[in-house]
Amino acid sequence: QVQLEESGGGLVLAGGSLRLSCAGSGRTLSSHIIAWFRQAPGKEREFVAAITWSVGRTTYSDSVKGRFTISRDNANTTVYLQMNSLRPEDTAVYYCAATRYSYSFPRTAPNYAYWGQGTQVTVSS
């Protein structure tokens, strides 16, 4: 079992920044991929970014590339999502998720077995 807990959401003006945290516990994360997804009201859960825990290889969706950065802190078993230049369309509940490692990053929610409870991000214009 892997337990995940998100924090760091909130309300921010367009153009501002937020940093989300995902604290992991339970089974070792070294053989996992950790991802961030988001879900806006009435929309499907959308892939945002992912990182391999072992070597820190990353991938991003086109909608956030260049604005968001995913990183990990091995000592604290925490994954971060630094979000800059936020836009109103970034408003959503943000979830972190974990899956066993594979070379090609899964980008759909059903491929992830472990999920946090989510944290709300609201960007006002």
Foldseek 3Di string as FASTA:
>chain_A
DKAKAKDWADEEAQQAKTKMKIFIDDDDQQQKKKFKWWDDPPDDIWTAKIAHNNPGDIDGDPVQPPFWDWDADNVRRMIMIIGGNDDQVVWTWMKMFMAGDDPDDDTDDVRTDYIYPTDTHGYHD
